[in-house]
Amino acid sequence: MSLANMLGLINNDLKEAFSRKPFDAAAGRQRLLDGIERTREQFARDQPVRGRKWFTVNNGIVAFSPTQGNSGALTINGVTTNFIAAEAFGQFLDNMRVAVEAGEFDAELERVAKHGGMVSGTADVAIPRAAPKRRTGAAPARRADWDQLSFAEKQRISALRRYGKTPDGSLIADVGERPDAPLFVG
């Protein structure tokens, strides 16, 4: 066999397949079944749930977003968050348990294990994120009488805004943006 023939058999693209552990469907199912049972127990509690949970209840509707640990979100019905009436949530979990035990979620569990957080569907509701930070600093264009203020008054307003306060000295976090508030003197 010549060197050219030998080198033709080398395929370094197989490195990823060599390194990847094969998907264990039984372990994936058991992990999902444990999560369903934990969700059932959390949902049945009278007190608020602390820590990680797969659901949020608001106005008698459950937003259900199951995950596989740190691997990523499961896509059910094309989205990662599904909405179920609170009184039907127990029945939904029973039906999901039967589907998982029948192996209907195996392809999705393998996708999540392989690709992690990369989802094939999109959700209208995700886990709530922190509100965006408010812009701080001077806002001269917002104030109607900016041109009539003296240089010292403009400096005072800018200094108050740097410390998160409105021109009247109250905290922006408490009262919101009020650029036309009377200038604080004192």
N, C-alpha and C. Protein backbone atom coordinates (compact mmCIF):
# COMPACT_ATOMS: atom_id res chain seq x y z
N MET A 1 0.86 -1.17 0.00
CA MET A 1 0.00 0.00 0.00
C MET A 1 0.90 1.22 0.00
N SER A 2 0.61 2.12 -0.88
CA SER A 2 1.44 3.32 -0.97
C SER A 2 1.01 4.34 0.08
N LEU A 3 1.90 5.28 0.29
CA LEU A 3 1.63 6.33 1.27
C LEU A 3 0.40 7.15 0.88
N ALA A 4 0.21 7.40 -0.40
CA ALA A 4 -0.95 8.18 -0.87
C ALA A 4 -2.25 7.45 -0.56
N ASN A 5 -2.26 6.13 -0.75
CA ASN A 5 -3.47 5.35 -0.46
C ASN A 5 -3.75 5.35 1.04
N MET A 6 -2.69 5.24 1.83
CA MET A 6 -2.86 5.25 3.29
C MET A 6 -3.38 6.61 3.76
N LEU A 7 -2.83 7.70 3.28
CA LEU A 7 -3.28 9.03 3.67
C LEU A 7 -4.70 9.31 3.20
N GLY A 8 -5.13 8.68 2.14
CA GLY A 8 -6.49 8.86 1.65
C GLY A 8 -7.53 8.28 2.59
N LEU A 9 -7.14 7.38 3.45
CA LEU A 9 -8.08 6.77 4.40
C LEU A 9 -8.24 7.58 5.68
N ILE A 10 -7.39 8.55 5.89
CA ILE A 10 -7.47 9.37 7.10
C ILE A 10 -8.59 10.38 6.95
N ASN A 11 -9.42 10.47 7.98
CA ASN A 11 -10.53 11.44 7.99
C ASN A 11 -10.57 12.08 9.37
N ASN A 12 -9.93 13.21 9.53
CA ASN A 12 -9.87 13.88 10.83
C ASN A 12 -11.19 14.53 11.21
N ASP A 13 -12.17 14.55 10.33
CA ASP A 13 -13.50 15.07 10.68
C ASP A 13 -14.22 14.13 11.64
N LEU A 14 -13.71 12.92 11.79
CA LEU A 14 -14.33 11.95 12.70
C LEU A 14 -13.97 12.18 14.15
N LYS A 15 -13.13 13.19 14.43
CA LYS A 15 -12.69 13.46 15.80
C LYS A 15 -13.87 13.75 16.72
N GLU A 16 -14.82 14.54 16.26
CA GLU A 16 -15.99 14.88 17.10
C GLU A 16 -16.80 13.64 17.43
N ALA A 17 -17.04 12.79 16.43
CA ALA A 17 -17.80 11.56 16.67
C ALA A 17 -17.04 10.62 17.60
N PHE A 18 -15.70 10.61 17.50
CA PHE A 18 -14.88 9.77 18.36
C PHE A 18 -14.97 10.21 19.82
N SER A 19 -15.00 11.52 20.05
CA SER A 19 -14.98 12.08 21.40
C SER A 19 -16.35 12.08 22.07
N ARG A 20 -17.41 12.09 21.30
CA ARG A 20 -18.75 12.22 21.85
C ARG A 20 -19.22 10.89 22.45
N LYS A 21 -19.81 10.99 23.64
CA LYS A 21 -20.39 9.81 24.27
C LYS A 21 -21.70 9.49 23.56
N PRO A 22 -22.00 8.23 23.36
CA PRO A 22 -23.29 7.89 22.74
C PRO A 22 -24.44 8.25 23.69
N PHE A 23 -25.56 8.64 23.11
CA PHE A 23 -26.72 9.04 23.91
C PHE A 23 -27.32 7.82 24.59
N ASP A 24 -27.57 7.93 25.88
CA ASP A 24 -28.20 6.87 26.66
C ASP A 24 -29.67 7.27 26.87
N ALA A 25 -30.54 6.67 26.07
CA ALA A 25 -31.96 7.02 26.11
C ALA A 25 -32.58 6.72 27.47
N ALA A 26 -32.21 5.62 28.09
CA ALA A 26 -32.80 5.25 29.38
C ALA A 26 -32.45 6.29 30.44
N ALA A 27 -31.20 6.74 30.47
CA ALA A 27 -30.79 7.75 31.45
C ALA A 27 -31.49 9.08 31.18
N GLY A 28 -31.61 9.44 29.90
CA GLY A 28 -32.30 10.68 29.55
C GLY A 28 -33.76 10.65 29.95
N ARG A 29 -34.42 9.52 29.70
CA ARG A 29 -35.82 9.37 30.11
C ARG A 29 -35.97 9.47 31.62
N GLN A 30 -35.08 8.77 32.35
CA GLN A 30 -35.19 8.78 33.81
C GLN A 30 -35.01 10.18 34.37
N ARG A 31 -34.10 10.92 33.79
CA ARG A 31 -33.87 12.31 34.23
C ARG A 31 -35.12 13.16 34.00
N LEU A 32 -35.74 12.97 32.84
CA LEU A 32 -36.97 13.71 32.53
C LEU A 32 -38.13 13.26 33.43
N LEU A 33 -38.23 11.97 33.69
CA LEU A 33 -39.29 11.48 34.58
C LEU A 33 -39.10 12.01 36.00
N ASP A 34 -37.86 12.09 36.47
CA ASP A 34 -37.58 12.66 37.79
C ASP A 34 -38.02 14.13 37.83
N GLY A 35 -37.75 14.86 36.75
CA GLY A 35 -38.16 16.26 36.67
C GLY A 35 -39.66 16.43 36.67
N ILE A 36 -40.37 15.54 35.99
CA ILE A 36 -41.84 15.59 35.97
C ILE A 36 -42.38 15.35 37.38
N GLU A 37 -41.82 14.38 38.08
CA GLU A 37 -42.27 14.09 39.44
C GLU A 37 -41.98 15.26 40.38
N ARG A 38 -40.78 15.85 40.24
CA ARG A 38 -40.41 17.02 41.06
C ARG A 38 -41.37 18.19 40.77
N THR A 39 -41.72 18.38 39.49
CA THR A 39 -42.64 19.45 39.12
C THR A 39 -44.02 19.21 39.72
N ARG A 40 -44.48 17.96 39.72
CA ARG A 40 -45.78 17.62 40.31
C ARG A 40 -45.79 17.96 41.80
N GLU A 41 -44.71 17.62 42.51
CA GLU A 41 -44.61 17.92 43.94
C GLU A 41 -44.55 19.43 44.20
N GLN A 42 -43.78 20.15 43.39
CA GLN A 42 -43.68 21.60 43.55
C GLN A 42 -45.01 22.28 43.28
N PHE A 43 -45.73 21.81 42.27
CA PHE A 43 -47.00 22.41 41.90
C PHE A 43 -48.06 22.18 42.98
N ALA A 44 -47.96 21.06 43.69
CA ALA A 44 -48.94 20.72 44.73
C ALA A 44 -48.72 21.50 46.02
N ARG A 45 -47.56 22.09 46.21
CA ARG A 45 -47.27 22.83 47.44
C ARG A 45 -48.12 24.09 47.56
N ASP A 46 -48.41 24.43 48.82
CA ASP A 46 -49.16 25.67 49.07
C ASP A 46 -48.22 26.87 49.15
N GLN A 47 -46.97 26.61 49.47
CA GLN A 47 -46.00 27.69 49.64
C GLN A 47 -45.23 27.91 48.34
N PRO A 48 -44.69 29.09 48.15
CA PRO A 48 -43.90 29.35 46.94
C PRO A 48 -42.70 28.41 46.85
N VAL A 49 -42.35 28.07 45.63
CA VAL A 49 -41.25 27.15 45.38
C VAL A 49 -39.95 27.94 45.28
N ARG A 50 -38.94 27.45 45.96
CA ARG A 50 -37.62 28.08 45.87
C ARG A 50 -36.73 27.23 44.99
N GLY A 51 -35.78 27.87 44.36
CA GLY A 51 -34.84 27.14 43.52
C GLY A 51 -35.38 26.97 42.11
N ARG A 52 -34.80 26.02 41.39
CA ARG A 52 -35.18 25.80 40.00
C ARG A 52 -36.54 25.13 39.90
N LYS A 53 -37.29 25.58 38.94
CA LYS A 53 -38.57 24.95 38.66
C LYS A 53 -38.87 25.11 37.18
N TRP A 54 -39.75 24.26 36.68
CA TRP A 54 -40.07 24.25 35.26
C TRP A 54 -41.33 25.04 34.93
N PHE A 55 -41.96 25.64 35.91
CA PHE A 55 -43.24 26.27 35.64
C PHE A 55 -43.38 27.59 36.38
N THR A 56 -44.30 28.41 35.87
CA THR A 56 -44.70 29.65 36.53
C THR A 56 -46.21 29.73 36.40
N VAL A 57 -46.89 30.10 37.48
CA VAL A 57 -48.34 30.19 37.48
C VAL A 57 -48.74 31.65 37.57
N ASN A 58 -49.65 32.07 36.70
CA ASN A 58 -50.16 33.43 36.72
C ASN A 58 -51.57 33.42 36.14
N ASN A 59 -52.51 33.99 36.86
CA ASN A 59 -53.91 34.09 36.42
C ASN A 59 -54.52 32.74 36.08
N GLY A 60 -54.16 31.71 36.84
CA GLY A 60 -54.74 30.38 36.62
C GLY A 60 -54.18 29.67 35.40
N ILE A 61 -53.09 30.15 34.86
CA ILE A 61 -52.45 29.53 33.69
C ILE A 61 -51.01 29.20 34.06
N VAL A 62 -50.57 28.02 33.64
CA VAL A 62 -49.21 27.57 33.92
C VAL A 62 -48.36 27.72 32.66
N ALA A 63 -47.24 28.43 32.78
CA ALA A 63 -46.24 28.49 31.72
C ALA A 63 -45.22 27.41 32.04
N PHE A 64 -45.15 26.39 31.19
CA PHE A 64 -44.34 25.19 31.45
C PHE A 64 -43.14 25.17 30.51
N SER A 65 -41.92 25.18 31.09
CA SER A 65 -40.67 25.22 30.32
C SER A 65 -39.71 24.17 30.85
N PRO A 66 -39.85 22.91 30.43
CA PRO A 66 -38.96 21.87 30.95
C PRO A 66 -37.56 21.98 30.36
N THR A 67 -36.57 21.61 31.17
CA THR A 67 -35.18 21.62 30.73
C THR A 67 -34.54 20.29 31.07
N GLN A 68 -33.35 20.09 30.55
CA GLN A 68 -32.56 18.92 30.89
C GLN A 68 -31.31 19.41 31.60
N GLY A 69 -31.44 19.86 32.82
CA GLY A 69 -30.31 20.35 33.58
C GLY A 69 -29.66 21.54 32.90
N ASN A 70 -28.36 21.51 32.77
CA ASN A 70 -27.64 22.59 32.11
C ASN A 70 -27.57 22.39 30.60
N SER A 71 -28.13 21.28 30.11
CA SER A 71 -28.04 20.98 28.68
C SER A 71 -28.87 21.93 27.84
N GLY A 72 -30.07 22.27 28.28
CA GLY A 72 -30.90 23.17 27.50
C GLY A 72 -32.37 22.86 27.68
N ALA A 73 -33.18 23.64 26.97
CA ALA A 73 -34.63 23.53 27.08
C ALA A 73 -35.17 22.50 26.09
N LEU A 74 -36.22 21.79 26.52
CA LEU A 74 -36.89 20.85 25.64
C LEU A 74 -37.90 21.60 24.77
N THR A 75 -37.99 21.22 23.52
CA THR A 75 -38.98 21.81 22.62
C THR A 75 -40.17 20.87 22.55
N ILE A 76 -41.33 21.36 22.99
CA ILE A 76 -42.57 20.58 22.93
C ILE A 76 -43.55 21.38 22.09
N ASN A 77 -44.14 20.75 21.12
CA ASN A 77 -45.11 21.41 20.25
C ASN A 77 -44.47 22.60 19.51
N GLY A 78 -43.16 22.51 19.25
CA GLY A 78 -42.47 23.54 18.49
C GLY A 78 -41.98 24.73 19.29
N VAL A 79 -42.24 24.77 20.60
CA VAL A 79 -41.79 25.89 21.43
C VAL A 79 -41.19 25.36 22.73
N THR A 80 -40.43 26.21 23.40
CA THR A 80 -39.82 25.79 24.66
C THR A 80 -40.69 26.12 25.86
N THR A 81 -41.71 26.97 25.68
CA THR A 81 -42.65 27.29 26.76
C THR A 81 -44.06 27.03 26.26
N ASN A 82 -44.80 26.19 26.99
CA ASN A 82 -46.18 25.87 26.64
C ASN A 82 -47.09 26.33 27.77
N PHE A 83 -48.32 26.69 27.43
CA PHE A 83 -49.27 27.22 28.40
C PHE A 83 -50.42 26.24 28.59
N ILE A 84 -50.70 25.93 29.87
CA ILE A 84 -51.71 24.96 30.22
C ILE A 84 -52.57 25.56 31.33
N ALA A 85 -53.87 25.32 31.29
CA ALA A 85 -54.75 25.76 32.38
C ALA A 85 -54.31 25.06 33.66
N ALA A 86 -54.28 25.79 34.76
CA ALA A 86 -53.77 25.25 36.02
C ALA A 86 -54.53 23.99 36.45
N GLU A 87 -55.86 23.96 36.23
CA GLU A 87 -56.62 22.78 36.65
C GLU A 87 -56.34 21.55 35.79
N ALA A 88 -55.75 21.73 34.60
CA ALA A 88 -55.43 20.61 33.72
C ALA A 88 -53.94 20.24 33.77
N PHE A 89 -53.16 20.94 34.60
CA PHE A 89 -51.71 20.73 34.61
C PHE A 89 -51.34 19.34 35.11
N GLY A 90 -52.02 18.83 36.13
CA GLY A 90 -51.76 17.48 36.64
C GLY A 90 -51.98 16.43 35.55
N GLN A 91 -53.07 16.57 34.80
CA GLN A 91 -53.36 15.64 33.71
C GLN A 91 -52.29 15.76 32.61
N PHE A 92 -51.85 16.98 32.33
CA PHE A 92 -50.80 17.18 31.34
C PHE A 92 -49.53 16.45 31.76
N LEU A 93 -49.15 16.56 33.05
CA LEU A 93 -47.96 15.87 33.53
C LEU A 93 -48.11 14.35 33.43
N ASP A 94 -49.33 13.83 33.70
CA ASP A 94 -49.58 12.39 33.56
C ASP A 94 -49.38 11.96 32.11
N ASN A 95 -49.95 12.73 31.17
CA ASN A 95 -49.82 12.41 29.75
C ASN A 95 -48.36 12.50 29.30
N MET A 96 -47.63 13.48 29.83
CA MET A 96 -46.23 13.62 29.47
C MET A 96 -45.42 12.44 29.98
N ARG A 97 -45.73 11.98 31.20
CA ARG A 97 -45.04 10.82 31.76
C ARG A 97 -45.24 9.59 30.87
N VAL A 98 -46.47 9.37 30.42
CA VAL A 98 -46.75 8.23 29.55
C VAL A 98 -45.98 8.35 28.24
N ALA A 99 -45.92 9.56 27.68
CA ALA A 99 -45.20 9.77 26.42
C ALA A 99 -43.70 9.55 26.59
N VAL A 100 -43.15 9.99 27.71
CA VAL A 100 -41.72 9.79 27.97
C VAL A 100 -41.41 8.31 28.13
N GLU A 101 -42.25 7.61 28.89
CA GLU A 101 -42.03 6.17 29.09
C GLU A 101 -42.15 5.39 27.79
N ALA A 102 -42.99 5.89 26.85
CA ALA A 102 -43.15 5.23 25.55
C ALA A 102 -42.01 5.56 24.59
N GLY A 103 -41.13 6.48 24.98
CA GLY A 103 -39.99 6.82 24.13
C GLY A 103 -40.25 7.92 23.12
N GLU A 104 -41.38 8.60 23.23
CA GLU A 104 -41.73 9.64 22.26
C GLU A 104 -40.84 10.88 22.38
N PHE A 105 -40.17 11.04 23.50
CA PHE A 105 -39.29 12.20 23.71
C PHE A 105 -37.82 11.87 23.44
N ASP A 106 -37.51 10.64 23.05
CA ASP A 106 -36.11 10.24 22.89
C ASP A 106 -35.36 11.11 21.88
N ALA A 107 -35.99 11.42 20.75
CA ALA A 107 -35.32 12.24 19.73
C ALA A 107 -35.03 13.63 20.28
N GLU A 108 -35.98 14.20 21.02
CA GLU A 108 -35.79 15.54 21.59
C GLU A 108 -34.73 15.51 22.69
N LEU A 109 -34.73 14.47 23.50
CA LEU A 109 -33.72 14.34 24.55
C LEU A 109 -32.32 14.20 23.95
N GLU A 110 -32.22 13.47 22.86
CA GLU A 110 -30.92 13.31 22.19
C GLU A 110 -30.48 14.64 21.57
N ARG A 111 -31.41 15.39 20.99
CA ARG A 111 -31.09 16.69 20.40
C ARG A 111 -30.56 17.64 21.46
N VAL A 112 -31.23 17.67 22.62
CA VAL A 112 -30.80 18.55 23.70
C VAL A 112 -29.43 18.12 24.23
N ALA A 113 -29.21 16.81 24.37
CA ALA A 113 -27.93 16.32 24.85
C ALA A 113 -26.81 16.65 23.86
N LYS A 114 -27.12 16.59 22.57
CA LYS A 114 -26.11 16.82 21.55
C LYS A 114 -25.83 18.30 21.32
N HIS A 115 -26.90 19.10 21.23
CA HIS A 115 -26.75 20.51 20.86
C HIS A 115 -26.91 21.47 22.01
N GLY A 116 -27.30 21.00 23.17
CA GLY A 116 -27.44 21.88 24.34
C GLY A 116 -28.56 22.87 24.17
N GLY A 117 -28.27 24.16 24.44
CA GLY A 117 -29.28 25.21 24.43
C GLY A 117 -29.77 25.61 23.07
N MET A 118 -29.21 25.05 21.99
CA MET A 118 -29.66 25.39 20.65
C MET A 118 -31.04 24.76 20.45
N VAL A 119 -32.07 25.59 20.32
CA VAL A 119 -33.42 25.06 20.22
C VAL A 119 -33.92 25.17 18.80
N SER A 120 -34.81 24.25 18.44
CA SER A 120 -35.37 24.28 17.10
C SER A 120 -36.64 25.12 17.06
N GLY A 121 -37.27 25.34 18.20
CA GLY A 121 -38.47 26.18 18.24
C GLY A 121 -38.17 27.48 18.95
N THR A 122 -39.14 28.37 18.94
CA THR A 122 -38.94 29.62 19.67
C THR A 122 -40.09 29.78 20.64
N ALA A 123 -39.84 30.41 21.75
CA ALA A 123 -40.84 30.57 22.78
C ALA A 123 -41.24 32.04 22.89
N ASP A 124 -42.52 32.27 23.13
CA ASP A 124 -42.98 33.63 23.35
C ASP A 124 -42.64 34.11 24.74
N VAL A 125 -42.56 33.18 25.68
CA VAL A 125 -42.27 33.53 27.06
C VAL A 125 -41.04 32.75 27.49
N ALA A 126 -40.05 33.43 27.96
CA ALA A 126 -38.85 32.77 28.47
C ALA A 126 -38.79 33.01 29.97
N ILE A 127 -37.79 32.47 30.59
CA ILE A 127 -37.60 32.73 32.01
C ILE A 127 -37.39 34.22 32.16
N PRO A 128 -38.11 34.87 33.08
CA PRO A 128 -37.99 36.33 33.18
C PRO A 128 -36.55 36.76 33.42
N ARG A 129 -36.14 37.76 32.71
CA ARG A 129 -34.80 38.30 32.85
C ARG A 129 -34.88 39.60 33.63
N ALA A 130 -33.74 40.03 34.09
CA ALA A 130 -33.68 41.29 34.82
C ALA A 130 -34.05 42.43 33.88
N ALA A 131 -34.70 43.44 34.43
CA ALA A 131 -35.07 44.59 33.63
C ALA A 131 -33.81 45.27 33.11
N PRO A 132 -33.87 45.85 31.92
CA PRO A 132 -32.69 46.53 31.40
C PRO A 132 -32.30 47.70 32.28
N LYS A 133 -31.00 47.95 32.35
CA LYS A 133 -30.52 49.04 33.19
C LYS A 133 -31.01 50.37 32.64
N ARG A 134 -31.35 51.24 33.54
CA ARG A 134 -31.77 52.58 33.13
C ARG A 134 -30.57 53.39 32.71
N ARG A 135 -30.78 54.18 31.72
CA ARG A 135 -29.73 55.07 31.26
C ARG A 135 -29.56 56.19 32.27
N THR A 136 -28.33 56.44 32.64
CA THR A 136 -28.08 57.52 33.59
C THR A 136 -27.27 58.59 32.89
N GLY A 137 -27.15 59.70 33.54
CA GLY A 137 -26.40 60.81 32.97
C GLY A 137 -27.33 61.95 32.64
N ALA A 138 -26.78 63.01 32.15
CA ALA A 138 -27.56 64.20 31.84
C ALA A 138 -28.51 63.93 30.68
N ALA A 139 -29.66 64.53 30.77
CA ALA A 139 -30.65 64.42 29.71
C ALA A 139 -31.09 65.81 29.29
N PRO A 140 -30.20 66.61 28.72
CA PRO A 140 -30.53 67.99 28.42
C PRO A 140 -31.64 68.12 27.38
N ALA A 141 -31.73 67.21 26.44
CA ALA A 141 -32.73 67.35 25.38
C ALA A 141 -34.14 67.10 25.92
N ARG A 142 -34.28 66.40 27.03
CA ARG A 142 -35.60 66.11 27.57
C ARG A 142 -36.20 67.28 28.34
N ARG A 143 -35.38 68.15 28.82
CA ARG A 143 -35.87 69.24 29.65
C ARG A 143 -36.27 70.40 28.75
N ALA A 144 -37.51 70.86 28.90
CA ALA A 144 -38.05 71.90 28.02
C ALA A 144 -37.35 73.24 28.21
N ASP A 145 -36.93 73.56 29.42
CA ASP A 145 -36.35 74.89 29.67
C ASP A 145 -34.83 74.84 29.78
N TRP A 146 -34.18 73.86 29.16
CA TRP A 146 -32.74 73.70 29.28
C TRP A 146 -31.97 74.95 28.82
N ASP A 147 -32.43 75.56 27.76
CA ASP A 147 -31.72 76.73 27.23
C ASP A 147 -31.80 77.93 28.16
N GLN A 148 -32.82 78.02 29.01
CA GLN A 148 -32.96 79.14 29.92
C GLN A 148 -32.19 78.96 31.23
N LEU A 149 -31.67 77.76 31.49
CA LEU A 149 -30.97 77.51 32.74
C LEU A 149 -29.56 78.09 32.69
N SER A 150 -29.07 78.48 33.86
CA SER A 150 -27.69 78.97 33.95
C SER A 150 -26.73 77.79 33.89
N PHE A 151 -25.45 78.07 33.70
CA PHE A 151 -24.43 77.04 33.65
C PHE A 151 -24.39 76.25 34.96
N ALA A 152 -24.50 76.94 36.08
CA ALA A 152 -24.48 76.28 37.40
C ALA A 152 -25.67 75.34 37.57
N GLU A 153 -26.86 75.77 37.10
CA GLU A 153 -28.05 74.92 37.20
C GLU A 153 -27.89 73.67 36.32
N LYS A 154 -27.32 73.83 35.15
CA LYS A 154 -27.08 72.68 34.27
C LYS A 154 -26.10 71.71 34.92
N GLN A 155 -25.06 72.24 35.56
CA GLN A 155 -24.11 71.38 36.24
C GLN A 155 -24.77 70.63 37.40
N ARG A 156 -25.65 71.33 38.13
CA ARG A 156 -26.33 70.71 39.27
C ARG A 156 -27.23 69.56 38.79
N ILE A 157 -27.97 69.79 37.71
CA ILE A 157 -28.86 68.74 37.18
C ILE A 157 -28.02 67.55 36.73
N SER A 158 -26.91 67.81 36.04
CA SER A 158 -26.05 66.72 35.57
C SER A 158 -25.48 65.93 36.75
N ALA A 159 -25.07 66.64 37.80
CA ALA A 159 -24.53 65.96 38.98
C ALA A 159 -25.60 65.12 39.67
N LEU A 160 -26.81 65.62 39.78
CA LEU A 160 -27.90 64.85 40.40
C LEU A 160 -28.19 63.59 39.58
N ARG A 161 -28.19 63.70 38.26
CA ARG A 161 -28.48 62.55 37.39
C ARG A 161 -27.38 61.50 37.52
N ARG A 162 -26.13 61.95 37.70
CA ARG A 162 -25.04 60.99 37.87
C ARG A 162 -25.26 60.12 39.10
N TYR A 163 -25.91 60.67 40.12
CA TYR A 163 -26.20 59.93 41.35
C TYR A 163 -27.59 59.30 41.34
N GLY A 164 -28.21 59.24 40.16
CA GLY A 164 -29.50 58.57 40.05
C GLY A 164 -30.66 59.35 40.62
N LYS A 165 -30.58 60.68 40.55
CA LYS A 165 -31.64 61.50 41.12
C LYS A 165 -32.24 62.40 40.05
N THR A 166 -33.48 62.81 40.27
CA THR A 166 -34.15 63.76 39.39
C THR A 166 -33.72 65.17 39.76
N PRO A 167 -34.05 66.17 38.96
CA PRO A 167 -33.65 67.54 39.30
C PRO A 167 -34.16 68.02 40.66
N ASP A 168 -35.27 67.44 41.16
CA ASP A 168 -35.75 67.88 42.47
C ASP A 168 -35.11 67.11 43.63
N GLY A 169 -34.16 66.19 43.33
CA GLY A 169 -33.42 65.48 44.37
C GLY A 169 -34.00 64.13 44.75
N SER A 170 -35.15 63.73 44.22
CA SER A 170 -35.71 62.41 44.56
C SER A 170 -35.04 61.34 43.70
N LEU A 171 -35.02 60.11 44.20
CA LEU A 171 -34.37 59.01 43.48
C LEU A 171 -35.19 58.62 42.25
N ILE A 172 -34.49 58.44 41.13
CA ILE A 172 -35.15 58.02 39.89
C ILE A 172 -35.78 56.65 40.09
N ALA A 173 -35.15 55.78 40.86
CA ALA A 173 -35.68 54.44 41.10
C ALA A 173 -37.02 54.49 41.82
N ASP A 174 -37.24 55.54 42.63
CA ASP A 174 -38.50 55.64 43.38
C ASP A 174 -39.60 56.33 42.58
N VAL A 175 -39.25 57.40 41.86
CA VAL A 175 -40.29 58.21 41.21
C VAL A 175 -40.26 58.13 39.70
N GLY A 176 -39.23 57.51 39.12
CA GLY A 176 -39.13 57.43 37.67
C GLY A 176 -38.49 58.68 37.08
N GLU A 177 -38.40 58.69 35.76
CA GLU A 177 -37.80 59.82 35.07
C GLU A 177 -38.71 61.03 35.18
N ARG A 178 -38.19 62.13 35.66
CA ARG A 178 -38.96 63.39 35.73
C ARG A 178 -38.01 64.53 35.36
N PRO A 179 -37.65 64.66 34.08
CA PRO A 179 -36.66 65.68 33.72
C PRO A 179 -37.15 67.10 33.92
N ASP A 180 -38.45 67.34 33.91
CA ASP A 180 -38.98 68.69 34.07
C ASP A 180 -39.32 69.02 35.53
N ALA A 181 -38.87 68.20 36.46
CA ALA A 181 -39.14 68.49 37.88
C ALA A 181 -38.42 69.79 38.24
N PRO A 182 -38.97 70.53 39.20
CA PRO A 182 -38.31 71.78 39.59
C PRO A 182 -36.92 71.50 40.14
N LEU A 183 -36.03 72.42 39.92
CA LEU A 183 -34.64 72.26 40.34
C LEU A 183 -34.53 72.32 41.85
N PHE A 184 -33.85 71.33 42.43
CA PHE A 184 -33.64 71.25 43.87
C PHE A 184 -32.65 72.32 44.29
N VAL A 185 -33.01 73.10 45.26
CA VAL A 185 -32.11 74.13 45.79
C VAL A 185 -31.92 73.84 47.27
N GLY A 186 -30.68 73.63 47.67
CA GLY A 186 -30.50 73.41 49.08
C GLY A 186 -29.31 72.68 49.46
